[in-house]
Amino acid sequence: MTIQHARSDALAAPDRLSDRLAALLSARIESGELRPADKLPTEQDLAIKHGVSRTVVREAMSRLKSMGLLVSRQGSGVFVAPEASARPLAFDPSVLASLASVLQIVEVRRALEGEVAALAAQRAKAAQTRQIRAALQAIDDAVDAGRDGVEEDLHFHRTIAEATGNPQFCRLITFLEQYQRDATKVTRANEAQRSDFMEQVRHEHRAIADAIAKRDAQGARAAAAQHMINAAHRLQVAGAPVRIASRKRRVR
């Protein structure tokens, strides 16, 4: 099967062919089409079948090995990994390419960040509260300087997670960032044309920071959850024009 031009409704589909091939093979493994211990075709055979270079195949297989889906056996080839109860957590980029799937990640963040903000309100030290305020100001400074402020926004949420004193929250927040970075850029582009949206985001961030500073755990939880609810709404508003996608190459 070769690479073809096709329309896509993806919000943030992976552009690299190796990512697309990895997503395709991953889907075949997850569906059971490729079963545990099955041997994969050779690099050359996969390259011919999918109309890509052997370099693309190697990169795709390397990605799947890092995800725990494939294993190499010296002198024997590459095999589907045995079923395991503790594979590294990862989301298939092709699954998370749609607006609906990104909204599901926002829902996960709503549950997570509400509790993170509440714990930060209970545990934050004075220095950490100042860091949260500084991170909040950095978002405004970035926007005022003409940038989208996305990285500063993500840093604001990481700073709150750090204030819980639980490094596992920081790891989870950082892990989820990679699946929302592009979506956040989309909403920021829309916010640049909607001053009411931009002011709403600033108000939401300020409400979270204020509640944490006041050690109001319930207020911080509610403010963070509301921020995620509103973020989902902003994504839906921005999603319609985004889904009018350009023609993209894809592995089939």
Protein backbone atom coordinates (compact mmCIF):
# COMPACT_ATOMS: atom_id res chain seq x y z
CA MET A 1 0.00 0.00 0.00
CA THR A 2 1.44 3.29 -1.03
CA ILE A 3 1.44 6.88 0.11
CA GLN A 4 -1.46 8.83 -1.33
CA HIS A 5 -2.79 12.34 -1.15
CA ALA A 6 -5.99 12.44 0.84
CA ARG A 7 -8.16 14.89 2.69
CA SER A 8 -7.97 14.64 6.46
CA ASP A 9 -10.20 15.95 9.27
CA ALA A 10 -7.24 15.70 11.65
CA LEU A 11 -6.64 18.47 14.14
CA ALA A 12 -2.96 17.71 14.48
CA ALA A 13 -2.11 14.67 12.39
CA PRO A 14 1.52 13.59 12.44
CA ASP A 15 3.28 14.86 9.32
CA ARG A 16 6.31 12.54 9.36
CA LEU A 17 5.87 9.38 7.35
CA SER A 18 7.55 7.34 10.07
CA ASP A 19 4.91 8.54 12.56
CA ARG A 20 2.15 7.58 10.16
CA LEU A 21 3.62 4.15 9.55
CA ALA A 22 4.13 3.63 13.29
CA ALA A 23 0.49 4.58 13.90
CA LEU A 24 -0.66 2.14 11.22
CA LEU A 25 1.37 -0.77 12.60
CA SER A 26 0.34 0.09 16.15
CA ALA A 27 -3.33 -0.03 15.13
CA ARG A 28 -2.80 -3.46 13.59
CA ILE A 29 -1.22 -4.69 16.79
CA GLU A 30 -3.92 -3.25 19.02
CA SER A 31 -6.68 -4.69 16.80
CA GLY A 32 -5.17 -8.17 16.98
CA GLU A 33 -4.37 -8.31 13.27
CA LEU A 34 -0.73 -8.63 14.36
CA ARG A 35 -0.63 -10.93 17.37
CA PRO A 36 1.95 -11.29 20.16
CA ALA A 37 5.07 -13.15 18.93
CA ASP A 38 4.16 -12.59 15.26
CA LYS A 39 7.21 -11.87 13.13
CA LEU A 40 7.10 -8.67 11.10
CA PRO A 41 8.09 -8.60 7.44
CA THR A 42 11.61 -7.43 6.66
CA GLU A 43 12.43 -3.73 6.38
CA GLN A 44 12.62 -4.07 2.62
CA ASP A 45 9.26 -5.82 2.38
CA LEU A 46 7.57 -3.20 4.59
CA ALA A 47 9.16 -0.40 2.57
CA ILE A 48 7.86 -1.86 -0.68
CA LYS A 49 4.41 -2.59 0.73
CA HIS A 50 3.90 0.94 2.07
CA GLY A 51 5.80 2.82 -0.61
CA VAL A 52 8.31 4.39 1.77
CA SER A 53 12.06 4.22 2.28
CA ARG A 54 13.77 1.74 4.56
CA THR A 55 14.83 4.69 6.72
CA VAL A 56 11.16 5.50 7.33
CA VAL A 57 10.52 1.86 8.26
CA ARG A 58 13.47 1.81 10.69
CA GLU A 59 12.28 5.00 12.37
CA ALA A 60 8.73 3.66 12.70
CA MET A 61 9.93 0.37 14.16
CA SER A 62 12.25 2.17 16.57
CA ARG A 63 9.28 4.18 17.82
CA LEU A 64 7.20 1.04 18.36
CA LYS A 65 10.08 -0.64 20.20
CA SER A 66 10.30 2.35 22.54
CA MET A 67 6.56 1.97 23.18
CA GLY A 68 7.06 -1.68 24.09
CA LEU A 69 5.06 -2.95 21.12
CA LEU A 70 7.91 -4.58 19.21
CA VAL A 71 11.04 -6.50 20.22
CA SER A 72 14.15 -7.42 18.24
CA ARG A 73 15.71 -10.87 18.39
CA GLN A 74 19.26 -10.95 17.14
CA GLY A 75 19.52 -13.04 14.02
CA SER A 76 15.77 -13.67 13.91
CA GLY A 77 14.12 -10.35 13.14
CA VAL A 78 11.51 -8.10 14.73
CA PHE A 79 8.48 -9.51 16.53
CA VAL A 80 5.31 -8.22 18.15
CA ALA A 81 6.03 -8.04 21.88
CA PRO A 82 4.31 -10.48 24.23
CA GLU A 83 1.23 -9.05 25.88
CA ALA A 84 2.27 -7.19 28.99
CA SER A 85 0.31 -5.59 31.79
CA ALA A 86 2.81 -2.77 32.17
CA ARG A 87 3.66 -1.30 28.79
CA PRO A 88 4.87 2.30 28.90
CA LEU A 89 1.92 4.69 28.79
CA ALA A 90 1.50 6.27 25.37
CA PHE A 91 -1.29 7.40 23.07
CA ASP A 92 -1.37 6.52 19.40
CA PRO A 93 -0.82 9.83 17.58
CA SER A 94 -3.35 8.83 14.90
CA VAL A 95 -6.02 8.31 17.57
CA LEU A 96 -5.32 11.71 19.11
CA ALA A 97 -5.42 13.48 15.76
CA SER A 98 -9.17 14.21 15.87
CA LEU A 99 -10.86 17.03 17.71
CA ALA A 100 -13.03 14.56 19.64
CA SER A 101 -9.96 12.74 20.96
CA VAL A 102 -8.24 15.95 21.98
CA LEU A 103 -11.39 16.88 23.90
CA GLN A 104 -11.10 13.56 25.72
CA ILE A 105 -7.60 14.53 26.81
CA VAL A 106 -8.97 17.86 28.06
CA GLU A 107 -11.50 15.88 30.10
CA VAL A 108 -8.69 13.83 31.64
CA ARG A 109 -6.87 17.06 32.47
CA ARG A 110 -10.02 18.48 34.05
CA ALA A 111 -10.12 15.62 36.55
CA LEU A 112 -6.38 15.78 37.15
CA GLU A 113 -5.77 19.51 37.33
CA GLY A 114 -8.69 20.20 39.63
CA GLU A 115 -7.12 18.00 42.29
CA VAL A 116 -3.64 19.32 41.53
CA ALA A 117 -4.80 22.89 42.12
CA ALA A 118 -6.56 21.90 45.36
CA LEU A 119 -3.42 20.20 46.69
CA ALA A 120 -1.29 23.15 45.63
CA ALA A 121 -3.60 25.42 47.64
CA GLN A 122 -3.07 23.22 50.68
CA ARG A 123 0.66 22.66 50.31
CA ALA A 124 2.26 25.53 48.39
CA LYS A 125 5.04 27.35 50.18
CA ALA A 126 5.32 31.12 49.93
CA ALA A 127 8.08 30.86 47.35
CA GLN A 128 6.00 28.51 45.23
CA THR A 129 3.03 30.85 45.38
CA ARG A 130 5.30 33.62 44.07
CA GLN A 131 6.48 31.30 41.29
CA ILE A 132 2.89 30.67 40.27
CA ARG A 133 2.28 34.41 40.15
CA ALA A 134 5.44 34.88 38.08
CA ALA A 135 4.35 32.15 35.68
CA LEU A 136 0.97 33.84 35.34
CA GLN A 137 2.65 37.16 34.54
CA ALA A 138 4.88 35.45 31.98
CA ILE A 139 1.80 34.45 29.96
CA ASP A 140 0.64 38.06 29.78
CA ASP A 141 4.14 39.25 28.91
CA ALA A 142 4.39 36.73 26.08
CA VAL A 143 1.03 37.72 24.63
CA ASP A 144 1.85 41.42 24.96
CA ALA A 145 5.09 40.73 23.08
CA GLY A 146 3.14 39.21 20.20
CA ARG A 147 3.77 35.55 20.99
CA ASP A 148 1.02 32.99 21.52
CA GLY A 149 2.06 32.29 25.13
CA VAL A 150 1.47 28.55 24.78
CA GLU A 151 4.76 27.47 26.34
CA GLU A 152 4.26 29.96 29.17
CA ASP A 153 0.73 28.61 29.68
CA LEU A 154 2.05 25.05 29.97
CA HIS A 155 4.72 26.24 32.38
CA PHE A 156 2.04 27.87 34.55
CA HIS A 157 0.28 24.54 34.94
CA ARG A 158 3.56 22.72 35.62
CA THR A 159 4.38 25.27 38.32
CA ILE A 160 1.09 24.52 40.04
CA ALA A 161 1.81 20.79 39.84
CA GLU A 162 5.24 21.35 41.39
CA ALA A 163 3.58 23.18 44.29
CA THR A 164 1.78 19.96 45.30
CA GLY A 165 5.12 18.47 46.35
CA ASN A 166 4.21 15.30 44.46
CA PRO A 167 6.54 14.76 41.47
CA GLN A 168 4.18 12.22 39.95
CA PHE A 169 1.70 14.99 39.18
CA CYS A 170 4.46 16.89 37.39
CA ARG A 171 5.23 13.82 35.29
CA LEU A 172 1.58 13.31 34.37
CA ILE A 173 1.02 16.95 33.46
CA THR A 174 4.19 16.98 31.36
CA PHE A 175 3.18 13.73 29.65
CA LEU A 176 -0.22 15.13 28.66
CA GLU A 177 1.27 18.38 27.38
CA GLN A 178 2.59 16.73 24.24
CA TYR A 179 -0.96 15.85 23.21
CA GLN A 180 -2.36 19.32 23.78
CA ARG A 181 0.40 21.66 22.66
CA ASP A 182 -0.81 21.92 19.05
CA ALA A 183 -4.46 22.15 20.11
CA THR A 184 -3.61 24.98 22.48
CA LYS A 185 -1.86 26.81 19.65
CA VAL A 186 -5.05 26.51 17.63
CA THR A 187 -7.18 28.04 20.37
CA ARG A 188 -4.63 30.81 20.92
CA ALA A 189 -4.77 31.71 17.25
CA ASN A 190 -8.54 31.94 17.60
CA GLU A 191 -8.25 33.92 20.83
CA ALA A 192 -6.07 36.47 19.03
CA GLN A 193 -9.16 37.30 16.97
CA ARG A 194 -11.52 37.13 19.96
CA SER A 195 -10.54 39.58 22.69
CA ASP A 196 -13.34 38.20 24.87
CA PHE A 197 -11.72 34.75 24.75
CA MET A 198 -8.31 36.15 25.59
CA GLU A 199 -9.66 38.02 28.58
CA GLN A 200 -11.59 34.95 29.67
CA VAL A 201 -8.42 32.84 29.71
CA ARG A 202 -6.60 35.49 31.74
CA HIS A 203 -9.46 35.61 34.22
CA GLU A 204 -9.49 31.81 34.56
CA HIS A 205 -5.75 31.63 35.20
CA ARG A 206 -5.97 34.48 37.70
CA ALA A 207 -8.82 32.73 39.55
CA ILE A 208 -6.71 29.59 39.97
CA ALA A 209 -3.67 31.54 41.17
CA ASP A 210 -5.77 33.64 43.57
CA ALA A 211 -7.41 30.60 45.14
CA ILE A 212 -4.04 28.90 45.64
CA ALA A 213 -2.62 32.06 47.23
CA LYS A 214 -5.61 32.17 49.59
CA ARG A 215 -5.18 28.46 50.42
CA ASP A 216 -8.71 27.92 49.21
CA ALA A 217 -8.54 24.29 48.08
CA GLN A 218 -12.19 24.06 47.10
CA GLY A 219 -12.00 27.30 45.14
CA ALA A 220 -8.79 26.24 43.40
CA ARG A 221 -10.32 22.89 42.42
CA ALA A 222 -13.43 24.57 41.03
CA ALA A 223 -11.43 27.23 39.17
CA ALA A 224 -9.10 24.68 37.55
CA ALA A 225 -11.99 22.42 36.54
CA GLN A 226 -13.90 25.36 35.07
CA HIS A 227 -10.79 26.40 33.15
CA MET A 228 -10.67 22.97 31.49
CA ILE A 229 -14.41 23.03 30.75
CA ASN A 230 -13.99 26.40 29.07
CA ALA A 231 -10.86 25.20 27.25
CA ALA A 232 -12.94 22.40 25.72
CA HIS A 233 -15.51 24.96 24.59
CA ARG A 234 -12.81 27.13 23.00
CA LEU A 235 -11.45 24.09 21.18
CA GLN A 236 -14.90 23.31 19.81
CA VAL A 237 -15.31 26.90 18.61
CA ALA A 238 -11.91 26.84 16.94
CA GLY A 239 -12.28 23.27 15.69
CA ALA A 240 -14.61 23.85 12.74
CA PRO A 241 -12.19 25.89 10.60
CA VAL A 242 -9.26 23.74 11.69
CA ARG A 243 -10.90 20.60 10.38
CA ILE A 244 -11.01 22.07 6.88
CA ALA A 245 -7.62 20.48 6.42
CA SER A 246 -5.15 20.74 3.61
CA ARG A 247 -4.40 17.67 1.58
CA LYS A 248 -1.85 15.55 3.40
CA ARG A 249 0.23 12.56 2.43
CA ARG A 250 -0.51 9.47 4.43
CA VAL A 251 0.51 5.84 4.61
CA ARG A 252 -2.33 3.50 3.73
